[in-house]
C-alpha atoms as a PDB file:
ATOM      1  CA  MET A   1     101.379  93.076  56.764  1.00  0.00           C
ATOM      2  CA  MET A   2     102.604  94.587  60.034  1.00  0.00           C
ATOM      3  CA  ASN A   3     106.275  94.392  60.825  1.00  0.00           C
ATOM      4  CA  GLY A   4     106.085  95.738  64.405  1.00  0.00           C
ATOM      5  CA  PHE A   5     107.046  99.333  63.623  1.00  0.00           C
ATOM      6  CA  ASN A   6     103.588 100.716  62.894  1.00  0.00           C
ATOM      7  CA  HIS A   7     102.012 101.318  66.324  1.00  0.00           C
ATOM      8  CA  GLY A   8     100.120 104.495  65.496  1.00  0.00           C
ATOM      9  CA  TRP A   9      99.789 107.570  67.712  1.00  0.00           C
ATOM     10  CA  GLY A  10     100.244 105.732  70.992  1.00  0.00           C
ATOM     11  CA  MET A  11     103.857 104.927  70.369  1.00  0.00           C
ATOM     12  CA  GLY A  12     104.822 108.445  69.407  1.00  0.00           C
ATOM     13  CA  PHE A  13     102.914 110.436  72.015  1.00  0.00           C
ATOM     14  CA  GLY A  14     102.230 107.911  74.789  1.00  0.00           C
ATOM     15  CA  TRP A  15     105.233 109.060  76.796  1.00  0.00           C
ATOM     16  CA  ILE A  16     103.795 112.593  76.929  1.00  0.00           C
ATOM     17  CA  ILE A  17     100.745 111.325  78.818  1.00  0.00           C
ATOM     18  CA  GLY A  18     103.009 109.541  81.297  1.00  0.00           C
ATOM     19  CA  LEU A  19     105.067 112.687  81.741  1.00  0.00           C
ATOM     20  CA  ILE A  20     101.953 114.789  82.370  1.00  0.00           C
ATOM     21  CA  VAL A  21     100.709 112.289  84.959  1.00  0.00           C
ATOM     22  CA  LEU A  22     104.105 112.289  86.674  1.00  0.00           C
ATOM     23  CA  ILE A  23     104.255 116.096  86.787  1.00  0.00           C
ATOM     24  CA  ALA A  24     100.689 116.273  88.145  1.00  0.00           C
ATOM     25  CA  PHE A  25     101.552 113.729  90.841  1.00  0.00           C
ATOM     26  CA  ILE A  26     104.676 115.639  91.919  1.00  0.00           C
ATOM     27  CA  TRP A  27     102.736 118.928  91.945  1.00  0.00           C
ATOM     28  CA  PHE A  28      99.956 117.387  94.064  1.00  0.00           C
ATOM     29  CA  ILE A  29     102.413 115.983  96.618  1.00  0.00           C
ATOM     30  CA  SER A  30     104.379 119.245  96.885  1.00  0.00           C
ATOM     31  CA  LYS A  31     101.173 121.256  97.288  1.00  0.00           C
ATOM     32  CA  ASN A  32     100.045 119.043 100.171  1.00  0.00           C
ATOM     33  CA  ILE A  33     103.440 119.223 101.861  1.00  0.00           C
ATOM     34  CA  ASN A  34     103.470 123.029 101.625  1.00  0.00           C
ATOM     35  CA  GLN A  35      99.914 123.234 102.931  1.00  0.00           C
ATOM     36  CA  ASN A  36     100.821 121.111 105.958  1.00  0.00           C
ATOM     37  CA  ASN A  37     103.870 123.269 106.695  1.00  0.00           C
ATOM     38  CA  GLN A  38     101.816 126.464 106.527  1.00  0.00           C
ATOM     39  CA  SER A  39      99.224 125.186 108.970  1.00  0.00           C
ATOM     40  CA  GLU A  40     101.967 124.334 111.482  1.00  0.00           C
ATOM     41  CA  SER A  41     103.599 127.758 111.325  1.00  0.00           C
ATOM     42  CA  LYS A  42     100.959 129.817 113.119  1.00  0.00           C
ATOM     43  CA  SER A  43     102.065 132.854 115.015  1.00  0.00           C
ATOM     44  CA  ALA A  44     101.877 132.944 118.781  1.00  0.00           C
ATOM     45  CA  LEU A  45      99.127 135.551 118.614  1.00  0.00           C
ATOM     46  CA  ASP A  46      97.050 133.337 116.304  1.00  0.00           C
ATOM     47  CA  ILE A  47      97.355 130.438 118.731  1.00  0.00           C
ATOM     48  CA  LEU A  48      96.421 132.730 121.615  1.00  0.00           C
ATOM     49  CA  LYS A  49      93.331 133.960 119.728  1.00  0.00           C
ATOM     50  CA  GLU A  50      92.274 130.368 119.036  1.00  0.00           C
ATOM     51  CA  ARG A  51      92.654 129.421 122.707  1.00  0.00           C
ATOM     52  CA  TYR A  52      90.567 132.422 123.736  1.00  0.00           C
ATOM     53  CA  ALA A  53      87.901 131.629 121.143  1.00  0.00           C
ATOM     54  CA  LYS A  54      87.703 128.037 122.397  1.00  0.00           C
ATOM     55  CA  GLY A  55      87.298 129.260 125.965  1.00  0.00           C
ATOM     56  CA  GLU A  56      90.534 127.719 127.188  1.00  0.00           C
ATOM     57  CA  ILE A  57      91.715 131.016 128.699  1.00  0.00           C
ATOM     58  CA  SER A  58      89.910 133.972 130.211  1.00  0.00           C
ATOM     59  CA  LYS A  59      89.770 137.490 128.804  1.00  0.00           C
ATOM     60  CA  LYS A  60      92.223 138.676 131.449  1.00  0.00           C
ATOM     61  CA  GLU A  61      94.699 135.919 130.580  1.00  0.00           C
ATOM     62  CA  TYR A  62      94.293 136.701 126.886  1.00  0.00           C
ATOM     63  CA  GLN A  63      95.031 140.394 127.391  1.00  0.00           C
ATOM     64  CA  GLU A  64      98.063 139.724 129.601  1.00  0.00           C
ATOM     65  CA  LYS A  65      99.565 137.221 127.195  1.00  0.00           C
ATOM     66  CA  ALA A  66      98.788 139.384 124.149  1.00  0.00           C
ATOM     67  CA  GLU A  67     100.688 142.288 125.750  1.00  0.00           C
ATOM     68  CA  ASP A  68     103.661 139.997 126.360  1.00  0.00           C
ATOM     69  CA  ILE A  69     103.675 138.830 122.761  1.00  0.00           C
ATOM     70  CA  VAL A  70     103.379 142.283 121.204  1.00  0.00           C
END
């Protein structure tokens, strides 16, 4: 006869699974937020190199602006 107190392993350790899922979710969100912040914080020289590589500015413009930055 069951009196409602004998729920097996799930009752004793079920909260641990929920805690692990919660920690994993928080870790995943914080990792994505940090990754987005890092991609936005490029240096001016990095942006200049990207513009030159894309062909948006000429070699002369690149050299002039690079000298101003450094």
